[in-house]
Amino acid sequence: MQATETVQKTQGDPSGSPLSLLSRRVNRLCEMLLFLLMLVMVGTATLQVICRFFFTALTWSEEVTRFLLVFASLVGASVGFKRGNHIAITALRDRLSPKGAFLMSLGTQLIGLFFFGVVAWYGGVLMISEARQTTPGLGISMMWIYGMYPLMGGVILLHLGAELHRFWKER
């Protein structure tokens, strides 16, 4: 990928469509949130080690660290989708004609839309069905924990939608 293509890929639709603009702004928030999540996760784990060694172990820290890790993974996936850094096997696509490569990339985007649509939908279903269950350490509703799936599924859908829009404008 050339440097100009990389810049366009990370900035989205250069025409400044509202969808692309929203995707860029949401991604910027996700990047800041990812930094914050990682900072809190490392801080919580460090505090747990210190408390366990010198004082009494914290009862809630492992649970918080686990939930933060899952949330950070989902936020990181959304940032990766926006930047185009997700894992890809390009050996087949590179051997195809430009039209074939376009169709393959389009198919990949559509499969991504379907998959993350399912993640967002069933995350919402899970969020509602498990609302009465509470976490063992913190005692908060699992609705707040499961809420990360529809939220981040929706963010990834936004990024994929912006990428598809850019695809069609270039074609």
N, C-alpha and C. Protein backbone atom coordinates (compact mmCIF):
# COMPACT_ATOMS: atom_id res chain seq x y z
N MET A 1 0.84 -1.17 0.00
CA MET A 1 0.00 0.00 0.00
C MET A 1 0.89 1.24 0.00
N GLN A 2 0.61 2.16 -0.88
CA GLN A 2 1.38 3.39 -0.97
C GLN A 2 1.06 4.30 0.21
N ALA A 3 1.96 5.27 0.46
CA ALA A 3 1.77 6.19 1.58
C ALA A 3 0.47 6.98 1.45
N THR A 4 0.14 7.43 0.23
CA THR A 4 -1.10 8.21 0.05
C THR A 4 -2.33 7.35 0.29
N GLU A 5 -2.26 6.07 -0.11
CA GLU A 5 -3.38 5.17 0.14
C GLU A 5 -3.56 4.94 1.64
N THR A 6 -2.43 4.83 2.37
CA THR A 6 -2.50 4.63 3.81
C THR A 6 -3.14 5.83 4.49
N VAL A 7 -2.75 7.03 4.07
CA VAL A 7 -3.34 8.24 4.65
C VAL A 7 -4.83 8.28 4.37
N GLN A 8 -5.24 7.99 3.12
CA GLN A 8 -6.67 7.98 2.80
C GLN A 8 -7.40 6.91 3.60
N LYS A 9 -6.79 5.75 3.76
CA LYS A 9 -7.42 4.65 4.49
C LYS A 9 -7.65 5.04 5.94
N THR A 10 -6.68 5.71 6.56
CA THR A 10 -6.83 6.06 7.96
C THR A 10 -7.74 7.27 8.15
N GLN A 11 -7.85 8.12 7.14
CA GLN A 11 -8.69 9.30 7.28
C GLN A 11 -10.10 9.07 6.74
N GLY A 12 -10.30 8.00 6.02
CA GLY A 12 -11.63 7.71 5.49
C GLY A 12 -11.87 8.42 4.18
N ASP A 13 -13.12 8.71 3.92
CA ASP A 13 -13.56 9.32 2.67
C ASP A 13 -13.02 10.75 2.58
N PRO A 14 -12.13 11.03 1.60
CA PRO A 14 -11.56 12.36 1.49
C PRO A 14 -12.57 13.42 1.10
N SER A 15 -13.74 13.01 0.61
CA SER A 15 -14.76 13.98 0.21
C SER A 15 -15.43 14.62 1.41
N GLY A 16 -15.25 14.04 2.60
CA GLY A 16 -15.82 14.62 3.79
C GLY A 16 -17.31 14.34 3.94
N SER A 17 -17.76 13.18 3.50
CA SER A 17 -19.18 12.85 3.65
C SER A 17 -19.53 12.79 5.13
N PRO A 18 -20.78 13.05 5.48
CA PRO A 18 -21.17 13.02 6.90
C PRO A 18 -20.88 11.67 7.57
N LEU A 19 -21.07 10.58 6.85
CA LEU A 19 -20.79 9.26 7.42
C LEU A 19 -19.31 9.09 7.73
N SER A 20 -18.48 9.53 6.81
CA SER A 20 -17.03 9.44 7.01
C SER A 20 -16.58 10.35 8.15
N LEU A 21 -17.14 11.54 8.21
CA LEU A 21 -16.80 12.47 9.28
C LEU A 21 -17.19 11.90 10.64
N LEU A 22 -18.38 11.33 10.73
CA LEU A 22 -18.83 10.70 11.97
C LEU A 22 -17.92 9.54 12.35
N SER A 23 -17.56 8.73 11.37
CA SER A 23 -16.68 7.60 11.61
C SER A 23 -15.32 8.06 12.14
N ARG A 24 -14.77 9.11 11.56
CA ARG A 24 -13.48 9.64 12.03
C ARG A 24 -13.57 10.17 13.45
N ARG A 25 -14.63 10.88 13.74
CA ARG A 25 -14.79 11.45 15.09
C ARG A 25 -15.00 10.36 16.14
N VAL A 26 -15.81 9.39 15.81
CA VAL A 26 -16.03 8.27 16.74
C VAL A 26 -14.74 7.50 16.94
N ASN A 27 -13.97 7.33 15.87
CA ASN A 27 -12.70 6.62 15.99
C ASN A 27 -11.74 7.39 16.90
N ARG A 28 -11.73 8.69 16.78
CA ARG A 28 -10.84 9.49 17.64
C ARG A 28 -11.23 9.30 19.11
N LEU A 29 -12.52 9.28 19.40
CA LEU A 29 -12.98 9.01 20.77
C LEU A 29 -12.57 7.60 21.21
N CYS A 30 -12.69 6.64 20.30
CA CYS A 30 -12.30 5.26 20.62
C CYS A 30 -10.81 5.15 20.91
N GLU A 31 -10.00 5.88 20.18
CA GLU A 31 -8.56 5.85 20.43
C GLU A 31 -8.24 6.38 21.83
N MET A 32 -8.92 7.47 22.22
CA MET A 32 -8.70 8.02 23.57
C MET A 32 -9.24 7.06 24.63
N LEU A 33 -10.40 6.47 24.36
CA LEU A 33 -10.98 5.51 25.30
C LEU A 33 -10.09 4.30 25.46
N LEU A 34 -9.51 3.82 24.37
CA LEU A 34 -8.61 2.67 24.43
C LEU A 34 -7.40 2.97 25.31
N PHE A 35 -6.84 4.15 25.15
CA PHE A 35 -5.71 4.54 26.00
C PHE A 35 -6.13 4.55 27.47
N LEU A 36 -7.27 5.13 27.76
CA LEU A 36 -7.77 5.21 29.12
C LEU A 36 -8.04 3.82 29.70
N LEU A 37 -8.67 2.95 28.91
CA LEU A 37 -8.96 1.58 29.37
C LEU A 37 -7.68 0.83 29.71
N MET A 38 -6.69 0.94 28.86
CA MET A 38 -5.42 0.25 29.11
C MET A 38 -4.74 0.81 30.35
N LEU A 39 -4.78 2.12 30.53
CA LEU A 39 -4.18 2.75 31.69
C LEU A 39 -4.85 2.27 32.98
N VAL A 40 -6.18 2.26 32.99
CA VAL A 40 -6.92 1.81 34.18
C VAL A 40 -6.69 0.33 34.42
N MET A 41 -6.64 -0.46 33.36
CA MET A 41 -6.42 -1.89 33.51
C MET A 41 -5.05 -2.19 34.12
N VAL A 42 -4.02 -1.55 33.61
CA VAL A 42 -2.67 -1.75 34.15
C VAL A 42 -2.60 -1.24 35.58
N GLY A 43 -3.20 -0.09 35.85
CA GLY A 43 -3.21 0.46 37.20
C GLY A 43 -3.92 -0.44 38.19
N THR A 44 -5.07 -1.00 37.78
CA THR A 44 -5.82 -1.91 38.65
C THR A 44 -5.04 -3.19 38.93
N ALA A 45 -4.43 -3.74 37.92
CA ALA A 45 -3.65 -4.97 38.10
C ALA A 45 -2.43 -4.71 38.99
N THR A 46 -1.79 -3.57 38.80
CA THR A 46 -0.64 -3.22 39.63
C THR A 46 -1.06 -3.01 41.09
N LEU A 47 -2.17 -2.32 41.28
CA LEU A 47 -2.68 -2.11 42.63
C LEU A 47 -3.01 -3.44 43.30
N GLN A 48 -3.57 -4.35 42.55
CA GLN A 48 -3.90 -5.69 43.09
C GLN A 48 -2.64 -6.42 43.56
N VAL A 49 -1.58 -6.36 42.76
CA VAL A 49 -0.33 -7.03 43.13
C VAL A 49 0.25 -6.40 44.39
N ILE A 50 0.25 -5.08 44.45
CA ILE A 50 0.79 -4.39 45.63
C ILE A 50 -0.03 -4.72 46.87
N CYS A 51 -1.36 -4.65 46.73
CA CYS A 51 -2.23 -4.95 47.88
C CYS A 51 -2.10 -6.41 48.31
N ARG A 52 -2.00 -7.31 47.38
CA ARG A 52 -1.87 -8.72 47.72
C ARG A 52 -0.55 -9.00 48.44
N PHE A 53 0.49 -8.33 48.02
CA PHE A 53 1.81 -8.57 48.60
C PHE A 53 1.97 -7.91 49.97
N PHE A 54 1.53 -6.65 50.08
CA PHE A 54 1.77 -5.89 51.31
C PHE A 54 0.56 -5.82 52.25
N PHE A 55 -0.64 -5.91 51.70
CA PHE A 55 -1.84 -5.72 52.51
C PHE A 55 -2.79 -6.89 52.28
N THR A 56 -4.08 -6.60 52.22
CA THR A 56 -5.11 -7.60 51.93
C THR A 56 -5.48 -7.50 50.46
N ALA A 57 -5.67 -8.64 49.82
CA ALA A 57 -6.02 -8.65 48.39
C ALA A 57 -7.34 -7.95 48.15
N LEU A 58 -7.43 -7.26 47.04
CA LEU A 58 -8.67 -6.60 46.64
C LEU A 58 -9.63 -7.64 46.07
N THR A 59 -10.87 -7.58 46.46
CA THR A 59 -11.83 -8.59 46.00
C THR A 59 -12.39 -8.29 44.61
N TRP A 60 -12.29 -7.08 44.16
CA TRP A 60 -12.93 -6.67 42.92
C TRP A 60 -11.97 -6.48 41.75
N SER A 61 -10.69 -6.42 42.01
CA SER A 61 -9.73 -6.01 40.97
C SER A 61 -9.61 -6.98 39.80
N GLU A 62 -9.64 -8.28 40.07
CA GLU A 62 -9.52 -9.24 38.97
C GLU A 62 -10.71 -9.13 38.03
N GLU A 63 -11.89 -8.95 38.60
CA GLU A 63 -13.10 -8.81 37.78
C GLU A 63 -13.04 -7.54 36.93
N VAL A 64 -12.64 -6.44 37.53
CA VAL A 64 -12.52 -5.18 36.78
C VAL A 64 -11.50 -5.33 35.66
N THR A 65 -10.35 -5.93 35.97
CA THR A 65 -9.31 -6.11 34.96
C THR A 65 -9.82 -6.97 33.80
N ARG A 66 -10.54 -8.03 34.11
CA ARG A 66 -11.08 -8.92 33.08
C ARG A 66 -12.08 -8.18 32.18
N PHE A 67 -13.00 -7.43 32.77
CA PHE A 67 -13.98 -6.69 31.98
C PHE A 67 -13.31 -5.60 31.14
N LEU A 68 -12.30 -4.93 31.73
CA LEU A 68 -11.58 -3.91 30.98
C LEU A 68 -10.81 -4.51 29.80
N LEU A 69 -10.27 -5.70 29.99
CA LEU A 69 -9.55 -6.37 28.90
C LEU A 69 -10.49 -6.69 27.74
N VAL A 70 -11.67 -7.20 28.04
CA VAL A 70 -12.63 -7.51 26.98
C VAL A 70 -13.07 -6.23 26.27
N PHE A 71 -13.38 -5.19 27.05
CA PHE A 71 -13.81 -3.93 26.45
C PHE A 71 -12.69 -3.32 25.62
N ALA A 72 -11.46 -3.33 26.14
CA ALA A 72 -10.32 -2.79 25.39
C ALA A 72 -10.09 -3.58 24.09
N SER A 73 -10.33 -4.88 24.12
CA SER A 73 -10.19 -5.70 22.90
C SER A 73 -11.20 -5.27 21.85
N LEU A 74 -12.43 -5.03 22.27
CA LEU A 74 -13.47 -4.60 21.32
C LEU A 74 -13.20 -3.19 20.79
N VAL A 75 -12.78 -2.29 21.67
CA VAL A 75 -12.45 -0.93 21.23
C VAL A 75 -11.25 -0.98 20.29
N GLY A 76 -10.25 -1.78 20.62
CA GLY A 76 -9.09 -1.94 19.75
C GLY A 76 -9.46 -2.52 18.39
N ALA A 77 -10.41 -3.45 18.38
CA ALA A 77 -10.87 -4.00 17.10
C ALA A 77 -11.53 -2.91 16.26
N SER A 78 -12.29 -2.04 16.89
CA SER A 78 -12.95 -0.97 16.12
C SER A 78 -11.91 0.00 15.54
N VAL A 79 -10.89 0.32 16.33
CA VAL A 79 -9.82 1.20 15.84
C VAL A 79 -9.07 0.51 14.70
N GLY A 80 -8.83 -0.78 14.84
CA GLY A 80 -8.16 -1.54 13.78
C GLY A 80 -8.97 -1.56 12.49
N PHE A 81 -10.28 -1.71 12.61
CA PHE A 81 -11.13 -1.68 11.41
C PHE A 81 -11.08 -0.32 10.75
N LYS A 82 -11.13 0.74 11.54
CA LYS A 82 -11.09 2.08 10.96
C LYS A 82 -9.77 2.34 10.26
N ARG A 83 -8.69 1.90 10.86
CA ARG A 83 -7.36 2.13 10.27
C ARG A 83 -7.03 1.14 9.16
N GLY A 84 -7.81 0.09 9.03
CA GLY A 84 -7.50 -0.93 8.04
C GLY A 84 -6.35 -1.83 8.48
N ASN A 85 -6.15 -1.94 9.78
CA ASN A 85 -5.05 -2.74 10.31
C ASN A 85 -5.45 -4.14 10.71
N HIS A 86 -6.69 -4.53 10.46
CA HIS A 86 -7.09 -5.88 10.82
C HIS A 86 -6.36 -6.88 9.94
N ILE A 87 -6.24 -8.07 10.44
CA ILE A 87 -5.49 -9.10 9.74
C ILE A 87 -6.16 -9.42 8.40
N ALA A 88 -5.35 -9.57 7.38
CA ALA A 88 -5.89 -9.88 6.05
C ALA A 88 -4.91 -10.77 5.32
N ILE A 89 -5.45 -11.67 4.57
CA ILE A 89 -4.63 -12.52 3.71
C ILE A 89 -4.81 -11.98 2.30
N THR A 90 -3.77 -11.39 1.77
CA THR A 90 -3.89 -10.69 0.48
C THR A 90 -3.31 -11.48 -0.69
N ALA A 91 -2.79 -12.67 -0.43
CA ALA A 91 -2.15 -13.42 -1.51
C ALA A 91 -3.12 -13.68 -2.66
N LEU A 92 -4.36 -14.05 -2.35
CA LEU A 92 -5.34 -14.31 -3.41
C LEU A 92 -5.78 -13.01 -4.07
N ARG A 93 -6.09 -12.00 -3.27
CA ARG A 93 -6.57 -10.74 -3.82
C ARG A 93 -5.53 -10.10 -4.73
N ASP A 94 -4.25 -10.22 -4.38
CA ASP A 94 -3.19 -9.62 -5.19
C ASP A 94 -3.05 -10.29 -6.55
N ARG A 95 -3.54 -11.51 -6.69
CA ARG A 95 -3.45 -12.23 -7.97
C ARG A 95 -4.67 -11.99 -8.86
N LEU A 96 -5.67 -11.33 -8.33
CA LEU A 96 -6.89 -11.09 -9.10
C LEU A 96 -6.77 -9.82 -9.94
N SER A 97 -7.66 -9.73 -10.93
CA SER A 97 -7.74 -8.50 -11.72
C SER A 97 -8.26 -7.39 -10.82
N PRO A 98 -8.14 -6.14 -11.22
CA PRO A 98 -8.66 -5.05 -10.39
C PRO A 98 -10.15 -5.21 -10.06
N LYS A 99 -10.92 -5.66 -11.04
CA LYS A 99 -12.34 -5.87 -10.77
C LYS A 99 -12.55 -7.02 -9.79
N GLY A 100 -11.79 -8.09 -9.96
CA GLY A 100 -11.89 -9.22 -9.04
C GLY A 100 -11.48 -8.84 -7.63
N ALA A 101 -10.40 -8.05 -7.51
CA ALA A 101 -9.94 -7.59 -6.20
C ALA A 101 -10.99 -6.70 -5.55
N PHE A 102 -11.63 -5.84 -6.37
CA PHE A 102 -12.69 -4.98 -5.86
C PHE A 102 -13.86 -5.81 -5.34
N LEU A 103 -14.26 -6.81 -6.11
CA LEU A 103 -15.38 -7.66 -5.70
C LEU A 103 -15.05 -8.46 -4.44
N MET A 104 -13.81 -8.92 -4.35
CA MET A 104 -13.41 -9.65 -3.15
C MET A 104 -13.41 -8.74 -1.93
N SER A 105 -12.89 -7.53 -2.08
CA SER A 105 -12.88 -6.57 -0.97
C SER A 105 -14.30 -6.19 -0.59
N LEU A 106 -15.16 -6.01 -1.57
CA LEU A 106 -16.56 -5.71 -1.31
C LEU A 106 -17.23 -6.85 -0.54
N GLY A 107 -16.96 -8.07 -0.96
CA GLY A 107 -17.52 -9.24 -0.27
C GLY A 107 -17.04 -9.33 1.16
N THR A 108 -15.77 -9.03 1.38
CA THR A 108 -15.23 -9.03 2.73
C THR A 108 -15.92 -7.99 3.60
N GLN A 109 -16.14 -6.81 3.05
CA GLN A 109 -16.83 -5.75 3.78
C GLN A 109 -18.27 -6.17 4.12
N LEU A 110 -18.95 -6.80 3.17
CA LEU A 110 -20.33 -7.23 3.41
C LEU A 110 -20.40 -8.34 4.46
N ILE A 111 -19.44 -9.26 4.44
CA ILE A 111 -19.38 -10.30 5.47
C ILE A 111 -19.14 -9.66 6.84
N GLY A 112 -18.27 -8.66 6.89
CA GLY A 112 -18.02 -7.93 8.13
C GLY A 112 -19.28 -7.24 8.64
N LEU A 113 -20.04 -6.62 7.73
CA LEU A 113 -21.30 -5.99 8.12
C LEU A 113 -22.26 -7.01 8.73
N PHE A 114 -22.36 -8.16 8.10
CA PHE A 114 -23.23 -9.21 8.62
C PHE A 114 -22.77 -9.68 9.99
N PHE A 115 -21.49 -10.00 10.11
CA PHE A 115 -20.96 -10.52 11.37
C PHE A 115 -21.14 -9.54 12.52
N PHE A 116 -20.75 -8.29 12.31
CA PHE A 116 -20.85 -7.33 13.40
C PHE A 116 -22.28 -6.87 13.63
N GLY A 117 -23.13 -7.02 12.62
CA GLY A 117 -24.56 -6.82 12.84
C GLY A 117 -25.10 -7.86 13.80
N VAL A 118 -24.66 -9.11 13.62
CA VAL A 118 -25.06 -10.20 14.53
C VAL A 118 -24.50 -9.94 15.94
N VAL A 119 -23.24 -9.52 16.03
CA VAL A 119 -22.64 -9.22 17.33
C VAL A 119 -23.44 -8.12 18.04
N ALA A 120 -23.76 -7.05 17.32
CA ALA A 120 -24.51 -5.95 17.93
C ALA A 120 -25.91 -6.39 18.34
N TRP A 121 -26.59 -7.12 17.45
CA TRP A 121 -27.96 -7.56 17.74
C TRP A 121 -28.01 -8.49 18.95
N TYR A 122 -27.23 -9.56 18.89
CA TYR A 122 -27.27 -10.52 19.99
C TYR A 122 -26.62 -9.99 21.27
N GLY A 123 -25.74 -9.04 21.14
CA GLY A 123 -25.24 -8.36 22.33
C GLY A 123 -26.36 -7.60 23.02
N GLY A 124 -27.23 -6.97 22.23
CA GLY A 124 -28.39 -6.30 22.79
C GLY A 124 -29.36 -7.27 23.43
N VAL A 125 -29.56 -8.42 22.77
CA VAL A 125 -30.44 -9.46 23.33
C VAL A 125 -29.87 -9.95 24.66
N LEU A 126 -28.57 -10.22 24.69
CA LEU A 126 -27.92 -10.69 25.90
C LEU A 126 -27.98 -9.63 27.00
N MET A 127 -27.81 -8.40 26.61
CA MET A 127 -27.87 -7.30 27.56
C MET A 127 -29.23 -7.25 28.27
N ILE A 128 -30.28 -7.45 27.52
CA ILE A 128 -31.63 -7.42 28.09
C ILE A 128 -31.91 -8.68 28.90
N SER A 129 -31.54 -9.83 28.36
CA SER A 129 -31.88 -11.09 29.05
C SER A 129 -31.10 -11.30 30.34
N GLU A 130 -29.92 -10.71 30.45
CA GLU A 130 -29.08 -10.91 31.64
C GLU A 130 -29.05 -9.69 32.55
N ALA A 131 -30.01 -8.79 32.39
CA ALA A 131 -30.01 -7.54 33.17
C ALA A 131 -30.16 -7.78 34.66
N ARG A 132 -30.82 -8.85 35.06
CA ARG A 132 -31.02 -9.12 36.49
C ARG A 132 -29.82 -9.81 37.14
N GLN A 133 -28.94 -10.37 36.33
CA GLN A 133 -27.75 -11.03 36.87
C GLN A 133 -26.75 -9.96 37.27
N THR A 134 -26.04 -10.18 38.37
CA THR A 134 -25.04 -9.22 38.82
C THR A 134 -23.65 -9.86 38.81
N THR A 135 -22.65 -9.01 38.74
CA THR A 135 -21.27 -9.50 38.77
C THR A 135 -20.94 -9.93 40.19
N PRO A 136 -20.14 -10.98 40.36
CA PRO A 136 -19.84 -11.47 41.71
C PRO A 136 -19.05 -10.50 42.57
N GLY A 137 -18.05 -9.84 42.00
CA GLY A 137 -17.19 -8.98 42.79
C GLY A 137 -17.71 -7.57 43.00
N LEU A 138 -18.28 -7.00 41.94
CA LEU A 138 -18.73 -5.61 42.00
C LEU A 138 -20.20 -5.47 42.35
N GLY A 139 -20.98 -6.50 42.03
CA GLY A 139 -22.41 -6.46 42.31
C GLY A 139 -23.21 -5.56 41.39
N ILE A 140 -22.67 -5.23 40.21
CA ILE A 140 -23.42 -4.40 39.26
C ILE A 140 -24.12 -5.30 38.24
N SER A 141 -25.13 -4.75 37.62
CA SER A 141 -25.91 -5.51 36.64
C SER A 141 -25.03 -5.89 35.44
N MET A 142 -25.18 -7.12 34.99
CA MET A 142 -24.44 -7.57 33.80
C MET A 142 -24.89 -6.83 32.55
N MET A 143 -26.02 -6.14 32.63
CA MET A 143 -26.48 -5.33 31.50
C MET A 143 -25.39 -4.32 31.11
N TRP A 144 -24.73 -3.75 32.10
CA TRP A 144 -23.68 -2.76 31.82
C TRP A 144 -22.44 -3.40 31.21
N ILE A 145 -22.18 -4.63 31.59
CA ILE A 145 -21.03 -5.35 31.03
C ILE A 145 -21.33 -5.78 29.60
N TYR A 146 -22.50 -6.39 29.39
CA TYR A 146 -22.86 -6.86 28.06
C TYR A 146 -23.17 -5.72 27.10
N GLY A 147 -23.36 -4.52 27.63
CA GLY A 147 -23.62 -3.37 26.77
C GLY A 147 -22.47 -3.03 25.84
N MET A 148 -21.27 -3.53 26.16
CA MET A 148 -20.12 -3.25 25.30
C MET A 148 -20.27 -3.91 23.92
N TYR A 149 -21.01 -5.01 23.83
CA TYR A 149 -21.13 -5.71 22.54
C TYR A 149 -21.98 -4.94 21.53
N PRO A 150 -23.20 -4.49 21.89
CA PRO A 150 -23.92 -3.70 20.90
C PRO A 150 -23.25 -2.35 20.63
N LEU A 151 -22.65 -1.76 21.66
CA LEU A 151 -21.99 -0.47 21.48
C LEU A 151 -20.84 -0.58 20.48
N MET A 152 -19.92 -1.49 20.73
CA MET A 152 -18.75 -1.59 19.86
C MET A 152 -19.08 -2.26 18.53
N GLY A 153 -20.07 -3.17 18.54
CA GLY A 153 -20.55 -3.71 17.26
C GLY A 153 -21.09 -2.60 16.38
N GLY A 154 -21.82 -1.67 16.99
CA GLY A 154 -22.35 -0.52 16.25
C GLY A 154 -21.26 0.39 15.72
N VAL A 155 -20.21 0.58 16.52
CA VAL A 155 -19.09 1.43 16.07
C VAL A 155 -18.39 0.78 14.89
N ILE A 156 -18.17 -0.53 14.95
CA ILE A 156 -17.52 -1.21 13.83
C ILE A 156 -18.42 -1.18 12.60
N LEU A 157 -19.73 -1.32 12.80
CA LEU A 157 -20.66 -1.19 11.66
C LEU A 157 -20.57 0.20 11.04
N LEU A 158 -20.44 1.21 11.87
CA LEU A 158 -20.27 2.58 11.36
C LEU A 158 -19.02 2.68 10.50
N HIS A 159 -17.90 2.14 10.99
CA HIS A 159 -16.65 2.19 10.22
C HIS A 159 -16.76 1.40 8.92
N LEU A 160 -17.37 0.23 8.98
CA LEU A 160 -17.54 -0.57 7.76
C LEU A 160 -18.46 0.14 6.78
N GLY A 161 -19.51 0.76 7.29
CA GLY A 161 -20.42 1.52 6.42
C GLY A 161 -19.71 2.68 5.74
N ALA A 162 -18.88 3.40 6.49
CA ALA A 162 -18.11 4.51 5.91
C ALA A 162 -17.14 3.99 4.85
N GLU A 163 -16.54 2.84 5.11
CA GLU A 163 -15.61 2.25 4.14
C GLU A 163 -16.35 1.81 2.87
N LEU A 164 -17.52 1.22 3.04
CA LEU A 164 -18.32 0.83 1.87
C LEU A 164 -18.74 2.07 1.07
N HIS A 165 -19.09 3.12 1.75
CA HIS A 165 -19.46 4.37 1.06
C HIS A 165 -18.29 4.89 0.24
N ARG A 166 -17.10 4.86 0.84
CA ARG A 166 -15.90 5.29 0.13
C ARG A 166 -15.63 4.38 -1.07
N PHE A 167 -15.85 3.08 -0.87
CA PHE A 167 -15.68 2.10 -1.95
C PHE A 167 -16.53 2.47 -3.16
N TRP A 168 -17.79 2.75 -2.91
CA TRP A 168 -18.72 3.04 -4.01
C TRP A 168 -18.41 4.37 -4.67
N LYS A 169 -17.94 5.35 -3.90
CA LYS A 169 -17.61 6.64 -4.50
C LYS A 169 -16.38 6.53 -5.39
N GLU A 170 -15.44 5.67 -5.02
CA GLU A 170 -14.23 5.50 -5.84
C GLU A 170 -14.52 4.71 -7.10
N ARG A 171 -15.52 3.89 -7.06
CA ARG A 171 -15.83 3.02 -8.19
C ARG A 171 -16.52 3.79 -9.23
